[in-house]
């Protein structure tokens, strides 16, 4: 988790839970309202984590829970962390597996010397983006010849269940590490625990794990967590691109469940999905 100095605002700002409806939590603050996208914590050991999504009035905010709300009740004290959701970055994240909060979920100790960055980082200005087009060689000849991918662009692999989408992504990871000396970031959104473990062991056996990072927002997690894990993966990719000056292959499996999680969050907030 991020260091405590980043977790708490300079002015102690505590609130109280006034309503819990599934993943939607309303919190009352007496002194001042936390800004939108601020992370709130509640319960013993900060068991419950919420993100401020809207300011209802001068005293109340509406949040989406990033953790299960079982056991969260009215009157529970809430702590304003004074910071948004943070993602770990740095060379220490390579070969590791994380959840949306940056906790290591591969059974190993937390990596040392990590930096923490907001997942809501502003994109680079349009004027600073390259306009030259290059082909990204995947190493899969049928793709490189018939439907070549653009370096720095986006592409989607569409298909039904069990047709080999994840196998293609795995082959791209092999090529990225073996031929282009880049970094691969795999983000599993709505994946089953079994699928994540199988991929981890496959990458470990292939010898490419030291050059990749894995993040998972699993199927059993709340929609807020599944939605934000994509932003956490993007934050890591931006670090390797901008700070390390390395080529990055960001793989999201799958984008439908990311959109689905975003639609669930919008529905819970009573808004139209965007």
Protein backbone atom coordinates (compact mmCIF):
# COMPACT_ATOMS: atom_id res chain seq x y z
CA UNK A 1 0.00 0.00 0.00
CA UNK A 2 1.12 3.65 -0.42
CA UNK A 3 3.12 5.08 2.50
CA UNK A 4 1.16 6.60 5.34
CA UNK A 5 2.44 10.09 4.56
CA UNK A 6 0.50 9.95 1.31
CA UNK A 7 -2.56 8.35 2.82
CA UNK A 8 -3.72 11.15 5.06
CA UNK A 9 -4.44 14.78 4.38
CA UNK A 10 -2.70 17.46 6.44
CA UNK A 11 -6.02 18.36 8.08
CA UNK A 12 -7.73 15.42 9.72
CA UNK A 13 -11.09 15.10 8.01
CA UNK A 14 -13.23 12.27 9.33
CA UNK A 15 -16.76 11.40 8.33
CA UNK A 16 -19.51 8.93 9.12
CA UNK A 17 -21.35 6.40 6.97
CA UNK A 18 -25.02 7.36 6.69
CA UNK A 19 -26.19 4.90 4.02
CA UNK A 20 -25.05 1.62 2.47
CA UNK A 21 -26.82 0.23 -0.61
CA UNK A 22 -24.71 -2.52 -2.10
CA UNK A 23 -21.58 -0.86 -3.49
CA UNK A 24 -23.01 2.67 -3.09
CA UNK A 25 -22.05 4.35 0.19
CA UNK A 26 -23.10 7.81 1.38
CA UNK A 27 -20.78 9.53 3.86
CA UNK A 28 -21.37 12.68 5.93
CA UNK A 29 -18.53 15.11 6.68
CA UNK A 30 -18.78 17.96 9.17
CA UNK A 31 -15.77 20.12 8.29
CA UNK A 32 -15.21 19.94 4.52
CA UNK A 33 -16.03 17.62 1.66
CA UNK A 34 -13.24 15.55 0.10
CA UNK A 35 -12.73 16.18 -3.63
CA UNK A 36 -14.14 13.80 -6.22
CA UNK A 37 -11.89 10.74 -6.81
CA UNK A 38 -10.53 10.92 -3.25
CA UNK A 39 -10.04 7.57 -1.53
CA UNK A 40 -11.83 6.98 1.78
CA UNK A 41 -11.18 4.20 4.28
CA UNK A 42 -13.39 2.74 7.00
CA UNK A 43 -13.48 -0.14 9.45
CA UNK A 44 -10.73 -1.77 11.47
CA UNK A 45 -7.49 -1.99 9.55
CA UNK A 46 -9.02 0.12 6.74
CA UNK A 47 -10.99 -2.93 5.67
CA UNK A 48 -13.41 -0.93 3.52
CA UNK A 49 -12.11 1.30 0.72
CA UNK A 50 -14.31 3.73 -1.21
CA UNK A 51 -13.82 6.32 -3.93
CA UNK A 52 -15.73 9.60 -3.90
CA UNK A 53 -17.81 9.83 -7.07
CA UNK A 54 -20.14 12.77 -6.35
CA UNK A 55 -20.76 15.57 -3.84
CA UNK A 56 -24.46 15.48 -3.03
CA UNK A 57 -24.63 18.67 -0.94
CA UNK A 58 -22.51 20.68 1.51
CA UNK A 59 -22.20 17.77 3.93
CA UNK A 60 -22.60 14.50 2.00
CA UNK A 61 -20.62 12.62 -0.65
CA UNK A 62 -21.62 9.50 -2.59
CA UNK A 63 -18.97 6.83 -3.00
CA UNK A 64 -18.44 3.58 -4.87
CA UNK A 65 -16.91 0.82 -2.77
CA UNK A 66 -13.75 -0.79 -4.15
CA UNK A 67 -14.01 -3.61 -1.61
CA UNK A 68 -16.98 -5.76 -0.53
CA UNK A 69 -19.28 -3.89 1.86
CA UNK A 70 -20.29 -6.91 3.95
CA UNK A 71 -20.18 -5.69 7.56
CA UNK A 72 -20.15 -1.98 6.72
CA UNK A 73 -22.96 -0.27 8.64
CA UNK A 74 -24.40 3.17 9.33
CA UNK A 75 -22.39 5.12 11.86
CA UNK A 76 -19.04 3.58 10.89
CA UNK A 77 -16.25 6.20 11.09
CA UNK A 78 -14.65 7.08 7.75
CA UNK A 79 -11.15 8.46 7.17
CA UNK A 80 -10.38 10.87 4.34
CA UNK A 81 -6.99 9.83 2.93
CA UNK A 82 -6.58 13.13 1.09
CA UNK A 83 -5.31 11.33 -2.02
CA UNK A 84 -6.74 9.43 -5.00
CA UNK A 85 -6.19 5.76 -5.76
CA UNK A 86 -2.46 5.17 -6.23
CA UNK A 87 -0.64 2.57 -8.33
CA UNK A 88 2.90 1.28 -7.68
CA UNK A 89 5.53 2.04 -10.32
CA UNK A 90 9.24 1.40 -10.61
CA UNK A 91 11.53 -1.42 -11.63
CA UNK A 92 10.45 -3.36 -8.56
CA UNK A 93 7.04 -4.12 -10.07
CA UNK A 94 8.54 -6.30 -12.81
CA UNK A 95 7.82 -10.03 -12.50
CA UNK A 96 5.15 -9.36 -9.87
CA UNK A 97 1.37 -9.71 -9.67
CA UNK A 98 -0.80 -6.99 -8.07
CA UNK A 99 -4.40 -6.11 -7.30
CA UNK A 100 -6.03 -2.72 -7.87
CA UNK A 101 -4.57 -1.32 -4.62
CA UNK A 102 -1.00 -2.32 -5.45
CA UNK A 103 -0.97 -5.24 -3.04
CA UNK A 104 1.20 -8.16 -4.17
CA UNK A 105 -1.01 -11.22 -4.72
CA UNK A 106 1.66 -13.67 -5.85
CA UNK A 107 2.49 -14.88 -2.35
CA UNK A 108 5.79 -12.99 -2.18
CA UNK A 109 6.82 -10.04 0.04
CA UNK A 110 6.01 -6.54 -1.16
CA UNK A 111 8.73 -5.26 -3.52
CA UNK A 112 11.02 -2.56 -2.07
CA UNK A 113 11.72 0.94 -3.40
CA UNK A 114 8.38 1.50 -5.09
CA UNK A 115 6.99 4.84 -6.17
CA UNK A 116 3.26 5.57 -6.02
CA UNK A 117 1.36 7.57 -8.63
CA UNK A 118 -2.24 8.60 -9.04
CA UNK A 119 -4.24 6.51 -11.50
CA UNK A 120 -5.85 9.77 -12.69
CA UNK A 121 -2.69 11.15 -14.28
CA UNK A 122 -3.32 13.68 -17.06
CA UNK A 123 -2.57 12.44 -20.61
CA UNK A 124 0.33 13.97 -22.58
CA UNK A 125 -0.57 16.96 -24.76
CA UNK A 126 -1.57 16.21 -28.33
CA UNK A 127 1.27 18.37 -29.67
CA UNK A 128 3.81 16.12 -27.97
CA UNK A 129 2.59 12.90 -29.53
CA UNK A 130 4.48 11.45 -32.52
CA UNK A 131 2.74 11.48 -35.89
CA UNK A 132 4.97 8.95 -37.64
CA UNK A 133 3.36 5.56 -38.24
CA UNK A 134 5.28 2.33 -37.66
CA UNK A 135 4.28 -1.31 -37.76
CA UNK A 136 4.39 -3.29 -34.55
CA UNK A 137 5.67 -6.76 -35.41
CA UNK A 138 3.79 -9.28 -33.29
CA UNK A 139 5.77 -12.27 -34.56
CA UNK A 140 2.49 -13.86 -35.68
CA UNK A 141 2.77 -13.84 -39.47
CA UNK A 142 -0.93 -14.00 -40.27
CA UNK A 143 -1.49 -10.82 -38.21
CA UNK A 144 1.61 -9.00 -39.47
CA UNK A 145 0.67 -9.64 -43.12
CA UNK A 146 -3.12 -9.37 -43.17
CA UNK A 147 -3.96 -7.01 -40.30
CA UNK A 148 -0.74 -5.30 -39.14
CA UNK A 149 -0.86 -3.39 -35.86
CA UNK A 150 0.37 0.19 -35.51
CA UNK A 151 3.08 0.94 -32.96
CA UNK A 152 1.59 3.26 -30.37
CA UNK A 153 -1.93 2.44 -31.49
CA UNK A 154 -4.76 0.29 -30.21
CA UNK A 155 -6.18 -2.97 -31.50
CA UNK A 156 -8.81 -5.43 -30.37
CA UNK A 157 -8.99 -9.21 -30.69
CA UNK A 158 -12.62 -10.27 -30.95
CA UNK A 159 -13.86 -13.81 -30.57
CA UNK A 160 -15.99 -16.14 -28.54
CA UNK A 161 -14.99 -18.05 -25.45
CA UNK A 162 -12.21 -20.60 -25.90
CA UNK A 163 -11.15 -19.63 -29.43
CA UNK A 164 -7.60 -18.60 -28.50
CA UNK A 165 -7.58 -14.87 -27.72
CA UNK A 166 -5.42 -15.32 -24.63
CA UNK A 167 -3.05 -17.60 -26.56
CA UNK A 168 -2.48 -14.82 -29.11
CA UNK A 169 -1.79 -12.34 -26.33
CA UNK A 170 0.73 -14.76 -24.83
CA UNK A 171 2.56 -15.04 -28.16
CA UNK A 172 2.74 -11.23 -28.38
CA UNK A 173 4.28 -11.10 -24.91
CA UNK A 174 6.94 -13.63 -25.99
CA UNK A 175 7.85 -11.49 -29.00
CA UNK A 176 7.86 -8.23 -27.05
CA UNK A 177 10.39 -9.61 -24.59
CA UNK A 178 12.47 -11.71 -26.97
CA UNK A 179 12.84 -9.42 -29.97
CA UNK A 180 12.02 -5.85 -28.89
CA UNK A 181 13.41 -5.80 -25.33
CA UNK A 182 10.29 -4.07 -24.09
CA UNK A 183 7.97 -4.46 -21.13
CA UNK A 184 4.61 -6.21 -21.20
CA UNK A 185 1.81 -5.37 -18.78
CA UNK A 186 -1.07 -7.82 -18.56
CA UNK A 187 -4.29 -6.56 -16.99
CA UNK A 188 -6.94 -9.18 -16.25
CA UNK A 189 -10.37 -7.61 -15.76
CA UNK A 190 -13.15 -9.90 -14.59
CA UNK A 191 -10.86 -12.92 -14.88
CA UNK A 192 -11.23 -16.10 -12.86
CA UNK A 193 -8.59 -16.83 -10.21
CA UNK A 194 -7.67 -20.04 -12.03
CA UNK A 195 -7.01 -18.22 -15.31
CA UNK A 196 -4.71 -15.72 -13.64
CA UNK A 197 -2.70 -18.41 -11.90
CA UNK A 198 -2.35 -20.44 -15.10
CA UNK A 199 -1.08 -17.41 -17.03
CA UNK A 200 1.37 -16.54 -14.26
CA UNK A 201 2.86 -20.04 -14.27
CA UNK A 202 2.97 -20.14 -18.10
CA UNK A 203 4.91 -16.86 -18.21
CA UNK A 204 7.19 -18.09 -15.45
CA UNK A 205 7.91 -21.30 -17.34
CA UNK A 206 8.57 -19.39 -20.57
CA UNK A 207 11.13 -17.16 -18.86
CA UNK A 208 9.42 -13.86 -19.74
CA UNK A 209 8.09 -13.04 -16.27
CA UNK A 210 11.08 -10.79 -15.33
CA UNK A 211 10.03 -8.44 -18.15
CA UNK A 212 6.32 -8.15 -17.41
CA UNK A 213 3.83 -7.03 -14.76
CA UNK A 214 0.43 -8.56 -14.07
CA UNK A 215 -2.61 -6.88 -12.51
CA UNK A 216 -5.95 -8.50 -11.79
CA UNK A 217 -9.41 -7.27 -10.91
CA UNK A 218 -11.04 -10.63 -10.42
CA UNK A 219 -14.55 -11.69 -11.25
CA UNK A 220 -15.66 -11.82 -7.61
CA UNK A 221 -14.59 -8.23 -6.87
CA UNK A 222 -16.94 -5.20 -6.85
CA UNK A 223 -17.46 -3.28 -10.11
CA UNK A 224 -15.50 -0.29 -8.81
CA UNK A 225 -12.42 -2.45 -8.31
CA UNK A 226 -12.76 -4.12 -11.71
CA UNK A 227 -13.13 -0.71 -13.36
CA UNK A 228 -10.14 0.96 -11.69
CA UNK A 229 -7.67 -1.88 -12.26
CA UNK A 230 -7.52 -0.85 -15.92
CA UNK A 231 -6.45 2.65 -14.88
CA UNK A 232 -3.81 1.21 -12.56
CA UNK A 233 -2.34 -0.85 -15.42
CA UNK A 234 -2.30 2.23 -17.66
CA UNK A 235 -0.43 4.18 -14.97
CA UNK A 236 2.28 1.50 -14.88
CA UNK A 237 2.52 1.52 -18.68
CA UNK A 238 2.94 5.31 -18.71
CA UNK A 239 5.79 5.04 -16.20
CA UNK A 240 7.80 2.63 -18.37
CA UNK A 241 7.04 4.69 -21.48
CA UNK A 242 7.82 8.14 -20.08
CA UNK A 243 10.39 7.51 -17.31
CA UNK A 244 12.20 4.38 -18.50
CA UNK A 245 11.85 5.22 -22.21
CA UNK A 246 10.98 1.63 -23.05
CA UNK A 247 8.47 0.14 -25.45
CA UNK A 248 5.41 -1.11 -23.59
CA UNK A 249 2.83 -3.66 -24.67
CA UNK A 250 -0.33 -3.18 -22.58
CA UNK A 251 -2.71 -6.14 -22.80
CA UNK A 252 -6.22 -6.03 -21.33
CA UNK A 253 -8.20 -9.26 -21.11
CA UNK A 254 -10.85 -8.44 -21.63
CA UNK A 255 -12.10 -5.00 -22.63
CA UNK A 256 -15.75 -6.09 -22.61
CA UNK A 257 -15.62 -6.73 -18.87
CA UNK A 258 -13.93 -3.35 -18.39
CA UNK A 259 -16.80 -1.65 -20.21
CA UNK A 260 -19.26 -3.80 -18.29
CA UNK A 261 -17.73 -2.73 -14.97
CA UNK A 262 -17.93 0.92 -16.02
CA UNK A 263 -21.58 0.48 -16.98
CA UNK A 264 -22.25 -1.10 -13.57
CA UNK A 265 -20.63 1.86 -11.81
CA UNK A 266 -22.68 4.32 -13.87
CA UNK A 267 -25.85 2.38 -13.16
CA UNK A 268 -25.16 2.35 -9.42
CA UNK A 269 -24.64 6.12 -9.52
CA UNK A 270 -27.87 6.64 -11.48
CA UNK A 271 -26.01 7.97 -14.53
CA UNK A 272 -25.93 7.06 -18.19
CA UNK A 273 -22.85 4.99 -19.12
CA UNK A 274 -20.34 7.03 -21.10
